[in-house]
C-alpha atoms as a PDB file:
ATOM      1  CA  MET A   1    -112.219  89.258 147.390  1.00  0.00           C
ATOM      2  CA  LYS A   2    -113.414  91.080 150.183  1.00  0.00           C
ATOM      3  CA  PRO A   3    -112.518  89.218 153.010  1.00  0.00           C
ATOM      4  CA  ALA A   4    -116.219  87.836 155.128  1.00  0.00           C
ATOM      5  CA  LEU A   5    -116.067  89.450 158.153  1.00  0.00           C
ATOM      6  CA  THR A   6    -118.807  88.205 160.733  1.00  0.00           C
ATOM      7  CA  LYS A   7    -117.465  90.274 163.506  1.00  0.00           C
ATOM      8  CA  GLY A   8    -115.485  93.498 163.165  1.00  0.00           C
ATOM      9  CA  PHE A   9    -113.241  95.165 165.914  1.00  0.00           C
ATOM     10  CA  PHE A  10    -116.316  97.937 167.571  1.00  0.00           C
ATOM     11  CA  ALA A  11    -117.546  94.024 168.024  1.00  0.00           C
ATOM     12  CA  LEU A  12    -114.850  92.454 169.524  1.00  0.00           C
ATOM     13  CA  LEU A  13    -113.910  95.932 171.631  1.00  0.00           C
ATOM     14  CA  ALA A  14    -117.668  96.259 172.602  1.00  0.00           C
ATOM     15  CA  GLU A  15    -117.505  92.445 173.952  1.00  0.00           C
ATOM     16  CA  ALA A  16    -114.314  92.920 176.051  1.00  0.00           C
ATOM     17  CA  GLU A  17    -115.577  96.468 177.560  1.00  0.00           C
ATOM     18  CA  LYS A  18    -118.412  94.487 179.258  1.00  0.00           C
ATOM     19  CA  VAL A  19    -115.892  92.158 180.824  1.00  0.00           C
ATOM     20  CA  VAL A  20    -112.777  94.126 181.800  1.00  0.00           C
ATOM     21  CA  GLU A  21    -112.018  96.501 184.119  1.00  0.00           C
ATOM     22  CA  SER A  22    -111.637 100.446 183.091  1.00  0.00           C
ATOM     23  CA  LEU A  23    -110.040 102.886 185.380  1.00  0.00           C
ATOM     24  CA  THR A  24    -109.931 106.271 185.153  1.00  0.00           C
ATOM     25  CA  VAL A  25    -106.896 108.424 184.592  1.00  0.00           C
ATOM     26  CA  GLU A  26    -107.217 109.373 188.416  1.00  0.00           C
ATOM     27  CA  GLN A  27    -107.906 105.904 189.538  1.00  0.00           C
ATOM     28  CA  VAL A  28    -104.436 105.262 187.658  1.00  0.00           C
ATOM     29  CA  GLN A  29    -102.460 107.973 189.213  1.00  0.00           C
ATOM     30  CA  GLN A  30    -103.715 106.106 192.255  1.00  0.00           C
ATOM     31  CA  ALA A  31    -102.808 102.944 191.638  1.00  0.00           C
ATOM     32  CA  ARG A  32     -99.545 104.225 190.252  1.00  0.00           C
ATOM     33  CA  LYS A  33     -98.817 105.277 194.108  1.00  0.00           C
ATOM     34  CA  ASN A  34    -100.552 102.807 195.969  1.00  0.00           C
ATOM     35  CA  SER A  35    -100.079  99.391 195.110  1.00  0.00           C
ATOM     36  CA  ASP A  36     -98.236  96.990 193.374  1.00  0.00           C
ATOM     37  CA  ALA A  37     -99.329  97.647 189.622  1.00  0.00           C
ATOM     38  CA  LEU A  38     -97.654  97.484 186.296  1.00  0.00           C
ATOM     39  CA  LEU A  39     -98.260 100.009 183.914  1.00  0.00           C
ATOM     40  CA  VAL A  40     -97.675  98.830 180.688  1.00  0.00           C
ATOM     41  CA  ASP A  41     -97.654 100.566 177.280  1.00  0.00           C
ATOM     42  CA  LEU A  42     -98.705  98.335 174.253  1.00  0.00           C
ATOM     43  CA  ARG A  43     -98.400 100.988 171.571  1.00  0.00           C
ATOM     44  CA  ASP A  44     -96.353 100.905 168.730  1.00  0.00           C
ATOM     45  CA  ILE A  45     -92.483 102.008 169.929  1.00  0.00           C
ATOM     46  CA  ARG A  46     -92.870 104.435 167.104  1.00  0.00           C
ATOM     47  CA  GLU A  47     -95.815 105.913 169.054  1.00  0.00           C
ATOM     48  CA  VAL A  48     -93.584 105.554 172.263  1.00  0.00           C
ATOM     49  CA  GLN A  49     -90.789 107.236 170.631  1.00  0.00           C
ATOM     50  CA  ARG A  50     -92.666 110.384 169.225  1.00  0.00           C
ATOM     51  CA  GLU A  51     -95.076 111.006 172.134  1.00  0.00           C
ATOM     52  CA  GLY A  52     -93.238 109.656 175.370  1.00  0.00           C
ATOM     53  CA  LYS A  53     -94.968 107.201 177.992  1.00  0.00           C
ATOM     54  CA  ILE A  54     -96.586 107.404 181.633  1.00  0.00           C
ATOM     55  CA  PRO A  55     -93.166 107.453 183.472  1.00  0.00           C
ATOM     56  CA  GLY A  56     -92.336 104.357 184.672  1.00  0.00           C
ATOM     57  CA  ALA A  57     -94.369 102.611 182.440  1.00  0.00           C
ATOM     58  CA  PHE A  58     -92.918  99.186 180.334  1.00  0.00           C
ATOM     59  CA  HIS A  59     -93.091  98.648 177.120  1.00  0.00           C
ATOM     60  CA  MET A  60     -94.665  95.612 175.397  1.00  0.00           C
ATOM     61  CA  PRO A  61     -95.569  95.674 171.497  1.00  0.00           C
ATOM     62  CA  ARG A  62     -99.036  94.400 171.656  1.00  0.00           C
ATOM     63  CA  GLY A  63     -98.352  91.202 169.008  1.00  0.00           C
ATOM     64  CA  MET A  64     -95.977  89.948 172.095  1.00  0.00           C
ATOM     65  CA  MET A  65     -98.334  90.224 175.087  1.00  0.00           C
ATOM     66  CA  GLU A  66     -99.302  86.511 175.059  1.00  0.00           C
ATOM     67  CA  PHE A  67     -95.867  84.910 174.631  1.00  0.00           C
ATOM     68  CA  TRP A  68     -94.279  88.059 177.391  1.00  0.00           C
ATOM     69  CA  ILE A  69     -97.054  87.251 180.044  1.00  0.00           C
ATOM     70  CA  ASP A  70     -96.911  83.585 180.132  1.00  0.00           C
ATOM     71  CA  PRO A  71     -94.052  81.632 182.232  1.00  0.00           C
ATOM     72  CA  GLU A  72     -93.934  78.558 179.959  1.00  0.00           C
ATOM     73  CA  SER A  73     -93.375  80.615 176.963  1.00  0.00           C
ATOM     74  CA  PRO A  74     -89.313  81.028 175.740  1.00  0.00           C
ATOM     75  CA  TYR A  75     -90.124  84.796 175.375  1.00  0.00           C
ATOM     76  CA  PHE A  76     -91.446  85.067 178.969  1.00  0.00           C
ATOM     77  CA  LYS A  77     -90.533  88.283 180.461  1.00  0.00           C
ATOM     78  CA  GLY A  78     -89.760  88.091 184.407  1.00  0.00           C
ATOM     79  CA  ILE A  79     -91.167  91.764 185.253  1.00  0.00           C
ATOM     80  CA  PHE A  80     -94.492  90.192 184.770  1.00  0.00           C
ATOM     81  CA  ALA A  81     -93.568  87.834 187.810  1.00  0.00           C
ATOM     82  CA  GLU A  82     -92.532  91.184 189.722  1.00  0.00           C
ATOM     83  CA  HIS A  83     -96.445  92.971 189.995  1.00  0.00           C
ATOM     84  CA  SER A  84     -99.641  91.664 191.222  1.00  0.00           C
ATOM     85  CA  ARG A  85    -101.416  93.911 189.269  1.00  0.00           C
ATOM     86  CA  TRP A  86    -101.050  95.171 185.397  1.00  0.00           C
ATOM     87  CA  ILE A  87    -103.040  98.050 184.145  1.00  0.00           C
ATOM     88  CA  PHE A  88    -102.865  98.187 180.314  1.00  0.00           C
ATOM     89  CA  TYR A  89    -102.745 101.378 177.669  1.00  0.00           C
ATOM     90  CA  CYS A  90    -102.849 102.074 174.324  1.00  0.00           C
ATOM     91  CA  ASN A  91    -103.110 105.599 172.576  1.00  0.00           C
ATOM     92  CA  LYS A  92    -107.098 105.950 172.585  1.00  0.00           C
ATOM     93  CA  GLY A  93    -108.043 102.364 174.965  1.00  0.00           C
ATOM     94  CA  TRP A  94    -109.587 100.389 171.729  1.00  0.00           C
ATOM     95  CA  ARG A  95    -106.018  97.852 171.710  1.00  0.00           C
ATOM     96  CA  SER A  96    -105.843  98.053 175.880  1.00  0.00           C
ATOM     97  CA  ALA A  97    -109.154  97.385 175.889  1.00  0.00           C
ATOM     98  CA  LEU A  98    -108.465  94.055 173.347  1.00  0.00           C
ATOM     99  CA  THR A  99    -105.439  93.119 175.365  1.00  0.00           C
ATOM    100  CA  THR A 100    -107.008  93.033 178.707  1.00  0.00           C
ATOM    101  CA  HIS A 101    -109.821  90.677 177.426  1.00  0.00           C
ATOM    102  CA  THR A 102    -106.773  88.326 176.016  1.00  0.00           C
ATOM    103  CA  ALA A 103    -105.247  88.586 179.108  1.00  0.00           C
ATOM    104  CA  MET A 104    -108.137  87.837 180.962  1.00  0.00           C
ATOM    105  CA  ARG A 105    -109.006  84.903 178.237  1.00  0.00           C
ATOM    106  CA  MET A 106    -105.346  83.247 179.357  1.00  0.00           C
ATOM    107  CA  GLY A 107    -106.470  83.288 183.556  1.00  0.00           C
ATOM    108  CA  VAL A 108    -105.054  86.951 184.431  1.00  0.00           C
ATOM    109  CA  THR A 109    -107.300  88.452 186.978  1.00  0.00           C
ATOM    110  CA  GLU A 110    -105.650  91.634 188.613  1.00  0.00           C
ATOM    111  CA  ILE A 111    -105.970  93.396 185.310  1.00  0.00           C
ATOM    112  CA  ALA A 112    -107.325  96.713 184.020  1.00  0.00           C
ATOM    113  CA  HIS A 113    -106.676  99.037 181.344  1.00  0.00           C
ATOM    114  CA  LEU A 114    -106.571 102.995 180.970  1.00  0.00           C
ATOM    115  CA  GLU A 115    -109.873 104.048 179.983  1.00  0.00           C
ATOM    116  CA  GLY A 116    -109.127 106.684 176.723  1.00  0.00           C
ATOM    117  CA  GLY A 117    -105.619 105.393 176.974  1.00  0.00           C
ATOM    118  CA  PHE A 118    -102.248 108.244 176.605  1.00  0.00           C
ATOM    119  CA  SER A 119    -104.871 110.018 174.748  1.00  0.00           C
ATOM    120  CA  ALA A 120    -107.213 110.524 178.127  1.00  0.00           C
ATOM    121  CA  TRP A 121    -103.929 110.576 180.337  1.00  0.00           C
ATOM    122  CA  THR A 122    -101.855 113.659 178.085  1.00  0.00           C
ATOM    123  CA  GLU A 123    -105.574 115.519 177.996  1.00  0.00           C
ATOM    124  CA  ALA A 124    -105.660 115.348 181.838  1.00  0.00           C
ATOM    125  CA  GLY A 125    -102.396 116.414 182.120  1.00  0.00           C
ATOM    126  CA  GLY A 126    -100.585 113.507 182.915  1.00  0.00           C
ATOM    127  CA  GLU A 127     -96.650 113.190 183.369  1.00  0.00           C
ATOM    128  CA  ILE A 128     -94.921 112.690 180.440  1.00  0.00           C
ATOM    129  CA  GLU A 129     -91.548 110.638 179.882  1.00  0.00           C
ATOM    130  CA  SER A 130     -89.305 111.237 176.953  1.00  0.00           C
ATOM    131  CA  VAL A 131     -88.192 108.067 175.396  1.00  0.00           C
ATOM    132  CA  SER A 132     -85.114 108.266 173.226  1.00  0.00           C
ATOM    133  CA  LYS A 133     -84.568 106.466 169.820  1.00  0.00           C
ATOM    134  CA  ARG A 134     -82.486 103.204 170.412  1.00  0.00           C
END
């Protein structure tokens, strides 16, 4: 039997996009130069290894976000305490918008996501760092 969804991912995405801060490629490039922003790549590790990442970005699987950003979690990653602002990105901006919305509901205020994601970054000619397989 098919699950009876009352709200699909497009509806969730529309809700998130109403409240999250979306940054253009140019704004993210400026943030990398002029702020204490941590760029966080939410894509699957296979995407990162295949396509590369924005130089200096920290990779975090989307499924670990709630655990890695919470200082009370046994899985907390200290890098999140070292930066005053976080900018999430994924491939198209969908996962990052949803993830940013979740982080906001957890109380994070200095947060945004890259509109259009890594695809927008590469289309704009943004610098890419290769990531080797481990």
